[in-house]
Each structure stands twice: as structure tokens, then as C-alpha cells.
Amino acid sequence: MNYSPMGEYIYTAPVFVGYVDDNQPVRLNHEHTEYQWMTFNEAKENAALPGIDDILDFVEKHFAKKAPLKWLRIDGKM
């Protein structure tokens, strides 16, 4: 949860992290019309909500710069 002092509200922003192959195609559904790959710094510069910088720092430190923990892995079989 994050607090926005400018708007005086609390919001929850769920975050999902996944590892994919570089050649994995992106498929958009009816809720999205486009996407853009960004570096962590670019994402911070374009963040629309307060607190996103902290979330991006956490994801970069614990996921992008480290190998995924064994218990977080999914074998991809369905």
C-alpha cells in the first residue's frame, strides 16, 4: 500500500514479476493497446503513481540482479 500526500489517498498496486526468454512474443488482450520495454530508470521517470520508485528498486535488487530462488520457479507445464 502506498499513500499519496498530494491526493490524500491510499492505494494498492499489485506487482507481478516473471522471467521470460528474450524472444518470447508479447500478446496483448482487450485491456491493452500497446506496450513498451523500459530500463528501470526509464520506468521510474515515467511512473504515474507515488511509491513506484521503491517498488522498482525492490524488483531490480531482488529479481533482476539475482537468479530466481528455486521455490519461485514454475516449470511452465500446464
C-alpha atoms as a PDB file:
ATOM      1  CA  MET A   1       0.000   0.000   0.000  1.00  0.00           C
ATOM      2  CA  ASN A   2       1.146   3.497  -0.732  1.00  0.00           C
ATOM      3  CA  TYR A   3      -0.042   6.885   0.445  1.00  0.00           C
ATOM      4  CA  SER A   4      -0.350   9.842  -1.911  1.00  0.00           C
ATOM      5  CA  PRO A   5       0.066  13.054   0.090  1.00  0.00           C
ATOM      6  CA  MET A   6      -0.876  15.184  -2.934  1.00  0.00           C
ATOM      7  CA  GLY A   7      -4.208  13.450  -3.447  1.00  0.00           C
ATOM      8  CA  GLU A   8      -4.623  12.358   0.188  1.00  0.00           C
ATOM      9  CA  TYR A   9      -5.467   8.745  -0.655  1.00  0.00           C
ATOM     10  CA  ILE A  10      -4.083   5.268  -0.087  1.00  0.00           C
ATOM     11  CA  TYR A  11      -3.819   2.846  -2.982  1.00  0.00           C
ATOM     12  CA  THR A  12      -2.731  -0.714  -3.575  1.00  0.00           C
ATOM     13  CA  ALA A  13      -0.747  -1.557  -6.695  1.00  0.00           C
ATOM     14  CA  PRO A  14      -0.254  -5.310  -7.204  1.00  0.00           C
ATOM     15  CA  VAL A  15       3.085  -6.218  -8.744  1.00  0.00           C
ATOM     16  CA  PHE A  16       3.851  -9.409 -10.656  1.00  0.00           C
ATOM     17  CA  VAL A  17       7.376 -10.394 -11.644  1.00  0.00           C
ATOM     18  CA  GLY A  18       8.196 -13.045 -14.216  1.00  0.00           C
ATOM     19  CA  TYR A  19      11.193 -14.233 -16.153  1.00  0.00           C
ATOM     20  CA  VAL A  20      10.750 -14.805 -19.888  1.00  0.00           C
ATOM     21  CA  ASP A  21      13.016 -15.603 -22.809  1.00  0.00           C
ATOM     22  CA  ASP A  22      14.212 -12.639 -24.856  1.00  0.00           C
ATOM     23  CA  ASN A  23      12.402 -13.985 -27.921  1.00  0.00           C
ATOM     24  CA  GLN A  24       9.060 -14.550 -26.134  1.00  0.00           C
ATOM     25  CA  PRO A  25       6.354 -12.721 -28.114  1.00  0.00           C
ATOM     26  CA  VAL A  26       4.180 -10.208 -26.252  1.00  0.00           C
ATOM     27  CA  ARG A  27       0.441 -10.856 -26.533  1.00  0.00           C
ATOM     28  CA  LEU A  28      -1.927  -8.061 -25.573  1.00  0.00           C
ATOM     29  CA  ASN A  29      -5.529  -8.673 -24.540  1.00  0.00           C
ATOM     30  CA  HIS A  30      -8.606  -6.449 -24.819  1.00  0.00           C
ATOM     31  CA  GLU A  31      -7.442  -4.320 -21.860  1.00  0.00           C
ATOM     32  CA  HIS A  32      -4.256  -3.106 -23.573  1.00  0.00           C
ATOM     33  CA  THR A  33      -3.432  -1.493 -26.894  1.00  0.00           C
ATOM     34  CA  GLU A  34       0.349  -1.219 -26.711  1.00  0.00           C
ATOM     35  CA  TYR A  35       3.431  -1.916 -24.603  1.00  0.00           C
ATOM     36  CA  GLN A  36       6.956  -0.576 -24.232  1.00  0.00           C
ATOM     37  CA  TRP A  37      10.109  -2.139 -22.781  1.00  0.00           C
ATOM     38  CA  MET A  38      11.956   0.233 -20.427  1.00  0.00           C
ATOM     39  CA  THR A  39      15.014   0.199 -18.238  1.00  0.00           C
ATOM     40  CA  PHE A  40      14.385   0.569 -14.519  1.00  0.00           C
ATOM     41  CA  ASN A  41      15.435   4.231 -14.683  1.00  0.00           C
ATOM     42  CA  GLU A  42      13.100   4.917 -17.615  1.00  0.00           C
ATOM     43  CA  ALA A  43      10.247   3.237 -15.760  1.00  0.00           C
ATOM     44  CA  LYS A  44      10.903   5.432 -12.714  1.00  0.00           C
ATOM     45  CA  GLU A  45      10.885   8.558 -14.894  1.00  0.00           C
ATOM     46  CA  ASN A  46       7.514   7.525 -16.360  1.00  0.00           C
ATOM     47  CA  ALA A  47       5.901   6.347 -13.110  1.00  0.00           C
ATOM     48  CA  ALA A  48       2.388   7.693 -12.701  1.00  0.00           C
ATOM     49  CA  LEU A  49       1.887   6.884  -9.010  1.00  0.00           C
ATOM     50  CA  PRO A  50       3.888   7.731  -5.890  1.00  0.00           C
ATOM     51  CA  GLY A  51       5.851   4.844  -4.406  1.00  0.00           C
ATOM     52  CA  ILE A  52       6.563   3.145  -7.743  1.00  0.00           C
ATOM     53  CA  ASP A  53      10.269   4.041  -7.458  1.00  0.00           C
ATOM     54  CA  ASP A  54      10.527   1.955  -4.281  1.00  0.00           C
ATOM     55  CA  ILE A  55       8.778  -0.980  -5.943  1.00  0.00           C
ATOM     56  CA  LEU A  56      11.050  -0.809  -8.988  1.00  0.00           C
ATOM     57  CA  ASP A  57      14.138  -0.623  -6.755  1.00  0.00           C
ATOM     58  CA  PHE A  58      12.955  -3.744  -4.900  1.00  0.00           C
ATOM     59  CA  VAL A  59      12.244  -5.672  -8.121  1.00  0.00           C
ATOM     60  CA  GLU A  60      15.595  -4.686  -9.618  1.00  0.00           C
ATOM     61  CA  LYS A  61      17.532  -5.667  -6.476  1.00  0.00           C
ATOM     62  CA  HIS A  62      15.753  -8.921  -5.658  1.00  0.00           C
ATOM     63  CA  PHE A  63      14.769 -10.210  -9.111  1.00  0.00           C
ATOM     64  CA  ALA A  64      16.654  -8.538 -11.975  1.00  0.00           C
ATOM     65  CA  LYS A  65      20.100  -8.666 -10.368  1.00  0.00           C
ATOM     66  CA  LYS A  66      19.709 -12.132  -8.821  1.00  0.00           C
ATOM     67  CA  ALA A  67      18.812 -15.574 -10.101  1.00  0.00           C
ATOM     68  CA  PRO A  68      15.275 -16.596  -9.126  1.00  0.00           C
ATOM     69  CA  LEU A  69      15.007 -18.623  -5.948  1.00  0.00           C
ATOM     70  CA  LYS A  70      14.230 -22.283  -6.538  1.00  0.00           C
ATOM     71  CA  TRP A  71      10.866 -22.125  -4.753  1.00  0.00           C
ATOM     72  CA  LEU A  72       9.741 -19.254  -7.018  1.00  0.00           C
ATOM     73  CA  ARG A  73      10.282 -21.236 -10.225  1.00  0.00           C
ATOM     74  CA  ILE A  74       7.418 -22.598 -12.289  1.00  0.00           C
ATOM     75  CA  ASP A  75       8.290 -25.247 -14.861  1.00  0.00           C
ATOM     76  CA  GLY A  76       5.896 -23.843 -17.433  1.00  0.00           C
ATOM     77  CA  LYS A  77       3.908 -27.043 -17.877  1.00  0.00           C
ATOM     78  CA  MET A  78       0.145 -26.775 -17.818  1.00  0.00           C
END
